[in-house]
Amino acid sequence: MKITGRCYCGKTEVHGDNHKTVLYCHCADCRRSAGAPVTAFVEFDMSDVQTIGDDLRTVSINDGVTLMF
């Protein structure tokens, strides 16, 4: 099954056949960044992810957690 998707602003697209992981997170970082009680994530190989433009921002508050906007 081919998976195709994009973020709401259109800066990131995913075109792949497989996802690695689907998870929900309710840690303080995820709740704060989303303004919601829980967030959902899907993990793909970087080769399946395409970013459009160079104005993506990253935030890393805790070791091992990097968010990209």
PDB file of N, CA and C in Angstrom:
ATOM      1  N   MET A   1       0.842  -1.169   0.000  1.00  0.00           N
ATOM      2  CA  MET A   1       0.000   0.000   0.000  1.00  0.00           C
ATOM      3  C   MET A   1       0.889   1.235   0.000  1.00  0.00           C
ATOM      4  N   LYS A   2       0.715   2.107  -0.957  1.00  0.00           N
ATOM      5  CA  LYS A   2       1.491   3.341  -1.002  1.00  0.00           C
ATOM      6  C   LYS A   2       0.842   4.381  -0.103  1.00  0.00           C
ATOM      7  N   ILE A   3       1.659   5.015   0.735  1.00  0.00           N
ATOM      8  CA  ILE A   3       1.188   6.041   1.657  1.00  0.00           C
ATOM      9  C   ILE A   3       1.652   7.395   1.149  1.00  0.00           C
ATOM     10  N   THR A   4       0.737   8.318   1.003  1.00  0.00           N
ATOM     11  CA  THR A   4       1.059   9.673   0.572  1.00  0.00           C
ATOM     12  C   THR A   4       0.389  10.644   1.529  1.00  0.00           C
ATOM     13  N   GLY A   5       1.121  11.638   1.973  1.00  0.00           N
ATOM     14  CA  GLY A   5       0.546  12.630   2.874  1.00  0.00           C
ATOM     15  C   GLY A   5       1.409  13.864   2.909  1.00  0.00           C
ATOM     16  N   ARG A   6       0.913  14.907   3.574  1.00  0.00           N
ATOM     17  CA  ARG A   6       1.693  16.125   3.727  1.00  0.00           C
ATOM     18  C   ARG A   6       1.259  16.824   4.996  1.00  0.00           C
ATOM     19  N   CYS A   7       2.107  17.723   5.448  1.00  0.00           N
ATOM     20  CA  CYS A   7       1.735  18.527   6.613  1.00  0.00           C
ATOM     21  C   CYS A   7       0.759  19.613   6.159  1.00  0.00           C
ATOM     22  N   TYR A   8       0.138  20.280   7.101  1.00  0.00           N
ATOM     23  CA  TYR A   8      -0.891  21.267   6.784  1.00  0.00           C
ATOM     24  C   TYR A   8      -0.338  22.456   6.001  1.00  0.00           C
ATOM     25  N   CYS A   9       0.892  22.868   6.284  1.00  0.00           N
ATOM     26  CA  CYS A   9       1.463  24.015   5.565  1.00  0.00           C
ATOM     27  C   CYS A   9       2.026  23.618   4.210  1.00  0.00           C
ATOM     28  N   GLY A  10       2.110  22.320   3.902  1.00  0.00           N
ATOM     29  CA  GLY A  10       2.589  21.872   2.606  1.00  0.00           C
ATOM     30  C   GLY A  10       4.095  21.836   2.464  1.00  0.00           C
ATOM     31  N   LYS A  11       4.835  21.955   3.548  1.00  0.00           N
ATOM     32  CA  LYS A  11       6.299  21.992   3.487  1.00  0.00           C
ATOM     33  C   LYS A  11       6.934  20.603   3.560  1.00  0.00           C
ATOM     34  N   THR A  12       6.183  19.597   3.966  1.00  0.00           N
ATOM     35  CA  THR A  12       6.715  18.243   4.089  1.00  0.00           C
ATOM     36  C   THR A  12       5.751  17.268   3.432  1.00  0.00           C
ATOM     37  N   GLU A  13       6.300  16.386   2.605  1.00  0.00           N
ATOM     38  CA  GLU A  13       5.494  15.358   1.946  1.00  0.00           C
ATOM     39  C   GLU A  13       6.091  13.992   2.238  1.00  0.00           C
ATOM     40  N   VAL A  14       5.234  12.986   2.283  1.00  0.00           N
ATOM     41  CA  VAL A  14       5.662  11.608   2.482  1.00  0.00           C
ATOM     42  C   VAL A  14       5.129  10.777   1.330  1.00  0.00           C
ATOM     43  N   HIS A  15       6.025  10.009   0.713  1.00  0.00           N
ATOM     44  CA  HIS A  15       5.649   9.087  -0.362  1.00  0.00           C
ATOM     45  C   HIS A  15       6.390   7.780  -0.083  1.00  0.00           C
ATOM     46  N   GLY A  16       5.708   6.813   0.454  1.00  0.00           N
ATOM     47  CA  GLY A  16       6.385   5.567   0.787  1.00  0.00           C
ATOM     48  C   GLY A  16       5.448   4.384   0.760  1.00  0.00           C
ATOM     49  N   ASP A  17       6.046   3.218   0.836  1.00  0.00           N
ATOM     50  CA  ASP A  17       5.270   1.989   0.842  1.00  0.00           C
ATOM     51  C   ASP A  17       5.031   1.460   2.250  1.00  0.00           C
ATOM     52  N   ASN A  18       5.877   1.855   3.179  1.00  0.00           N
ATOM     53  CA  ASN A  18       5.768   1.306   4.526  1.00  0.00           C
ATOM     54  C   ASN A  18       6.037   2.375   5.575  1.00  0.00           C
ATOM     55  N   HIS A  19       5.369   2.247   6.674  1.00  0.00           N
ATOM     56  CA  HIS A  19       5.703   3.067   7.827  1.00  0.00           C
ATOM     57  C   HIS A  19       6.340   2.160   8.863  1.00  0.00           C
ATOM     58  N   LYS A  20       7.167   2.749   9.714  1.00  0.00           N
ATOM     59  CA  LYS A  20       7.864   1.956  10.731  1.00  0.00           C
ATOM     60  C   LYS A  20       7.053   1.848  12.012  1.00  0.00           C
ATOM     61  N   THR A  21       6.543   2.976  12.486  1.00  0.00           N
ATOM     62  CA  THR A  21       5.882   3.020  13.786  1.00  0.00           C
ATOM     63  C   THR A  21       4.741   4.021  13.751  1.00  0.00           C
ATOM     64  N   VAL A  22       3.681   3.735  14.464  1.00  0.00           N
ATOM     65  CA  VAL A  22       2.610   4.692  14.722  1.00  0.00           C
ATOM     66  C   VAL A  22       2.493   4.785  16.237  1.00  0.00           C
ATOM     67  N   LEU A  23       2.514   6.005  16.758  1.00  0.00           N
ATOM     68  CA  LEU A  23       2.424   6.133  18.201  1.00  0.00           C
ATOM     69  C   LEU A  23       1.700   7.404  18.604  1.00  0.00           C
ATOM     70  N   TYR A  24       1.226   7.394  19.815  1.00  0.00           N
ATOM     71  CA  TYR A  24       0.622   8.563  20.452  1.00  0.00           C
ATOM     72  C   TYR A  24       1.530   8.967  21.599  1.00  0.00           C
ATOM     73  N   CYS A  25       1.676  10.260  21.809  1.00  0.00           N
ATOM     74  CA  CYS A  25       2.535  10.730  22.887  1.00  0.00           C
ATOM     75  C   CYS A  25       1.802  11.778  23.707  1.00  0.00           C
ATOM     76  N   HIS A  26       2.018  11.729  24.996  1.00  0.00           N
ATOM     77  CA  HIS A  26       1.406  12.713  25.882  1.00  0.00           C
ATOM     78  C   HIS A  26       2.450  13.304  26.825  1.00  0.00           C
ATOM     79  N   CYS A  27       3.726  13.308  26.404  1.00  0.00           N
ATOM     80  CA  CYS A  27       4.764  13.929  27.230  1.00  0.00           C
ATOM     81  C   CYS A  27       4.574  15.452  27.214  1.00  0.00           C
ATOM     82  N   ALA A  28       5.218  16.130  28.129  1.00  0.00           N
ATOM     83  CA  ALA A  28       5.059  17.582  28.258  1.00  0.00           C
ATOM     84  C   ALA A  28       5.490  18.318  26.987  1.00  0.00           C
ATOM     85  N   ASP A  29       6.568  17.859  26.328  1.00  0.00           N
ATOM     86  CA  ASP A  29       7.032  18.519  25.104  1.00  0.00           C
ATOM     87  C   ASP A  29       5.982  18.435  23.996  1.00  0.00           C
ATOM     88  N   CYS A  30       5.422  17.258  23.794  1.00  0.00           N
ATOM     89  CA  CYS A  30       4.431  17.079  22.728  1.00  0.00           C
ATOM     90  C   CYS A  30       3.138  17.826  23.028  1.00  0.00           C
ATOM     91  N   ARG A  31       2.707  17.776  24.272  1.00  0.00           N
ATOM     92  CA  ARG A  31       1.493  18.511  24.635  1.00  0.00           C
ATOM     93  C   ARG A  31       1.685  20.007  24.432  1.00  0.00           C
ATOM     94  N   ARG A  32       2.843  20.517  24.820  1.00  0.00           N
ATOM     95  CA  ARG A  32       3.114  21.946  24.694  1.00  0.00           C
ATOM     96  C   ARG A  32       3.210  22.361  23.226  1.00  0.00           C
ATOM     97  N   SER A  33       3.893  21.575  22.395  1.00  0.00           N
ATOM     98  CA  SER A  33       4.071  21.968  20.992  1.00  0.00           C
ATOM     99  C   SER A  33       2.767  21.893  20.209  1.00  0.00           C
ATOM    100  N   ALA A  34       1.875  20.974  20.580  1.00  0.00           N
ATOM    101  CA  ALA A  34       0.623  20.801  19.844  1.00  0.00           C
ATOM    102  C   ALA A  34      -0.537  21.567  20.470  1.00  0.00           C
ATOM    103  N   GLY A  35      -0.382  21.958  21.728  1.00  0.00           N
ATOM    104  CA  GLY A  35      -1.500  22.588  22.421  1.00  0.00           C
ATOM    105  C   GLY A  35      -2.665  21.626  22.584  1.00  0.00           C
ATOM    106  N   ALA A  36      -2.347  20.357  22.774  1.00  0.00           N
ATOM    107  CA  ALA A  36      -3.368  19.312  22.866  1.00  0.00           C
ATOM    108  C   ALA A  36      -2.947  18.297  23.929  1.00  0.00           C
ATOM    109  N   PRO A  37      -3.880  17.500  24.427  1.00  0.00           N
ATOM    110  CA  PRO A  37      -3.530  16.527  25.454  1.00  0.00           C
ATOM    111  C   PRO A  37      -2.744  15.323  24.928  1.00  0.00           C
ATOM    112  N   VAL A  38      -2.757  15.112  23.620  1.00  0.00           N
ATOM    113  CA  VAL A  38      -2.043  13.982  23.027  1.00  0.00           C
ATOM    114  C   VAL A  38      -1.724  14.317  21.565  1.00  0.00           C
ATOM    115  N   THR A  39      -0.629  13.775  21.048  1.00  0.00           N
ATOM    116  CA  THR A  39      -0.281  13.946  19.637  1.00  0.00           C
ATOM    117  C   THR A  39      -0.057  12.568  19.019  1.00  0.00           C
ATOM    118  N   ALA A  40      -0.235  12.479  17.722  1.00  0.00           N
ATOM    119  CA  ALA A  40      -0.024  11.222  16.998  1.00  0.00           C
ATOM    120  C   ALA A  40       1.143  11.395  16.030  1.00  0.00           C
ATOM    121  N   PHE A  41       1.955  10.353  15.893  1.00  0.00           N
ATOM    122  CA  PHE A  41       3.115  10.373  15.017  1.00  0.00           C
ATOM    123  C   PHE A  41       3.143   9.113  14.174  1.00  0.00           C
ATOM    124  N   VAL A  42       3.697   9.235  12.972  1.00  0.00           N
ATOM    125  CA  VAL A  42       3.976   8.083  12.121  1.00  0.00           C
ATOM    126  C   VAL A  42       5.427   8.218  11.685  1.00  0.00           C
ATOM    127  N   GLU A  43       6.203   7.156  11.848  1.00  0.00           N
ATOM    128  CA  GLU A  43       7.626   7.178  11.495  1.00  0.00           C
ATOM    129  C   GLU A  43       7.826   6.535  10.127  1.00  0.00           C
ATOM    130  N   PHE A  44       8.608   7.227   9.273  1.00  0.00           N
ATOM    131  CA  PHE A  44       8.979   6.739   7.947  1.00  0.00           C
ATOM    132  C   PHE A  44      10.488   6.798   7.794  1.00  0.00           C
ATOM    133  N   ASP A  45      11.025   6.071   6.822  1.00  0.00           N
ATOM    134  CA  ASP A  45      12.424   6.229   6.442  1.00  0.00           C
ATOM    135  C   ASP A  45      12.618   7.631   5.883  1.00  0.00           C
ATOM    136  N   MET A  46      13.770   8.234   6.154  1.00  0.00           N
ATOM    137  CA  MET A  46      14.039   9.578   5.649  1.00  0.00           C
ATOM    138  C   MET A  46      13.981   9.623   4.124  1.00  0.00           C
ATOM    139  N   SER A  47      14.273   8.515   3.457  1.00  0.00           N
ATOM    140  CA  SER A  47      14.230   8.493   1.991  1.00  0.00           C
ATOM    141  C   SER A  47      12.807   8.651   1.459  1.00  0.00           C
ATOM    142  N   ASP A  48      11.796   8.415   2.310  1.00  0.00           N
ATOM    143  CA  ASP A  48      10.402   8.570   1.910  1.00  0.00           C
ATOM    144  C   ASP A  48       9.846   9.966   2.207  1.00  0.00           C
ATOM    145  N   VAL A  49      10.632  10.790   2.910  1.00  0.00           N
ATOM    146  CA  VAL A  49      10.166  12.114   3.332  1.00  0.00           C
ATOM    147  C   VAL A  49      10.866  13.178   2.511  1.00  0.00           C
ATOM    148  N   GLN A  50      10.086  14.115   1.984  1.00  0.00           N
ATOM    149  CA  GLN A  50      10.637  15.223   1.195  1.00  0.00           C
ATOM    150  C   GLN A  50      10.206  16.533   1.836  1.00  0.00           C
ATOM    151  N   THR A  51      11.175  17.405   2.111  1.00  0.00           N
ATOM    152  CA  THR A  51      10.849  18.734   2.618  1.00  0.00           C
ATOM    153  C   THR A  51      10.928  19.729   1.473  1.00  0.00           C
ATOM    154  N   ILE A  52      10.028  20.678   1.466  1.00  0.00           N
ATOM    155  CA  ILE A  52       9.941  21.669   0.394  1.00  0.00           C
ATOM    156  C   ILE A  52      10.354  23.014   0.969  1.00  0.00           C
ATOM    157  N   GLY A  53      11.433  23.560   0.468  1.00  0.00           N
ATOM    158  CA  GLY A  53      11.933  24.836   0.974  1.00  0.00           C
ATOM    159  C   GLY A  53      12.919  24.622   2.107  1.00  0.00           C
ATOM    160  N   ASP A  54      13.555  25.711   2.503  1.00  0.00           N
ATOM    161  CA  ASP A  54      14.584  25.639   3.534  1.00  0.00           C
ATOM    162  C   ASP A  54      14.186  26.332   4.823  1.00  0.00           C
ATOM    163  N   ASP A  55      12.932  26.690   4.968  1.00  0.00           N
ATOM    164  CA  ASP A  55      12.544  27.462   6.141  1.00  0.00           C
ATOM    165  C   ASP A  55      11.908  26.623   7.246  1.00  0.00           C
ATOM    166  N   LEU A  56      12.235  25.314   7.295  1.00  0.00           N
ATOM    167  CA  LEU A  56      11.756  24.483   8.402  1.00  0.00           C
ATOM    168  C   LEU A  56      12.511  24.865   9.662  1.00  0.00           C
ATOM    169  N   ARG A  57      11.827  24.917  10.775  1.00  0.00           N
ATOM    170  CA  ARG A  57      12.439  25.229  12.054  1.00  0.00           C
ATOM    171  C   ARG A  57      12.466  23.981  12.912  1.00  0.00           C
ATOM    172  N   THR A  58      13.510  23.827  13.692  1.00  0.00           N
ATOM    173  CA  THR A  58      13.599  22.715  14.624  1.00  0.00           C
ATOM    174  C   THR A  58      13.687  23.250  16.047  1.00  0.00           C
ATOM    175  N   VAL A  59      13.131  22.498  16.955  1.00  0.00           N
ATOM    176  CA  VAL A  59      13.184  22.821  18.373  1.00  0.00           C
ATOM    177  C   VAL A  59      13.607  21.557  19.105  1.00  0.00           C
ATOM    178  N   SER A  60      14.617  21.669  19.942  1.00  0.00           N
ATOM    179  CA  SER A  60      15.062  20.534  20.747  1.00  0.00           C
ATOM    180  C   SER A  60      15.199  21.007  22.186  1.00  0.00           C
ATOM    181  N   ILE A  61      14.278  20.577  23.025  1.00  0.00           N
ATOM    182  CA  ILE A  61      14.274  20.990  24.419  1.00  0.00           C
ATOM    183  C   ILE A  61      14.960  19.947  25.286  1.00  0.00           C
ATOM    184  N   ASN A  62      14.653  18.698  25.058  1.00  0.00           N
ATOM    185  CA  ASN A  62      15.240  17.603  25.835  1.00  0.00           C
ATOM    186  C   ASN A  62      16.072  16.715  24.926  1.00  0.00           C
ATOM    187  N   ASP A  63      17.097  16.068  25.485  1.00  0.00           N
ATOM    188  CA  ASP A  63      17.938  15.155  24.711  1.00  0.00           C
ATOM    189  C   ASP A  63      17.076  14.090  24.038  1.00  0.00           C
ATOM    190  N   GLY A  64      17.321  13.853  22.756  1.00  0.00           N
ATOM    191  CA  GLY A  64      16.628  12.811  22.028  1.00  0.00           C
ATOM    192  C   GLY A  64      15.289  13.225  21.446  1.00  0.00           C
ATOM    193  N   VAL A  65      14.852  14.469  21.669  1.00  0.00           N
ATOM    194  CA  VAL A  65      13.572  14.938  21.142  1.00  0.00           C
ATOM    195  C   VAL A  65      13.822  16.163  20.277  1.00  0.00           C
ATOM    196  N   THR A  66      13.574  16.043  18.972  1.00  0.00           N
ATOM    197  CA  THR A  66      13.688  17.171  18.060  1.00  0.00           C
ATOM    198  C   THR A  66      12.405  17.275  17.277  1.00  0.00           C
ATOM    199  N   LEU A  67      11.775  18.421  17.349  1.00  0.00           N
ATOM    200  CA  LEU A  67      10.531  18.682  16.615  1.00  0.00           C
ATOM    201  C   LEU A  67      10.860  19.571  15.431  1.00  0.00           C
ATOM    202  N   MET A  68      10.246  19.279  14.278  1.00  0.00           N
ATOM    203  CA  MET A  68      10.440  20.095  13.080  1.00  0.00           C
ATOM    204  C   MET A  68       9.112  20.701  12.669  1.00  0.00           C
ATOM    205  N   PHE A  69       9.133  21.985  12.377  1.00  0.00           N
ATOM    206  CA  PHE A  69       7.938  22.702  11.918  1.00  0.00           C
ATOM    207  C   PHE A  69       8.199  23.175  10.518  1.00  0.00           C
TER     208      PHE A  69
END
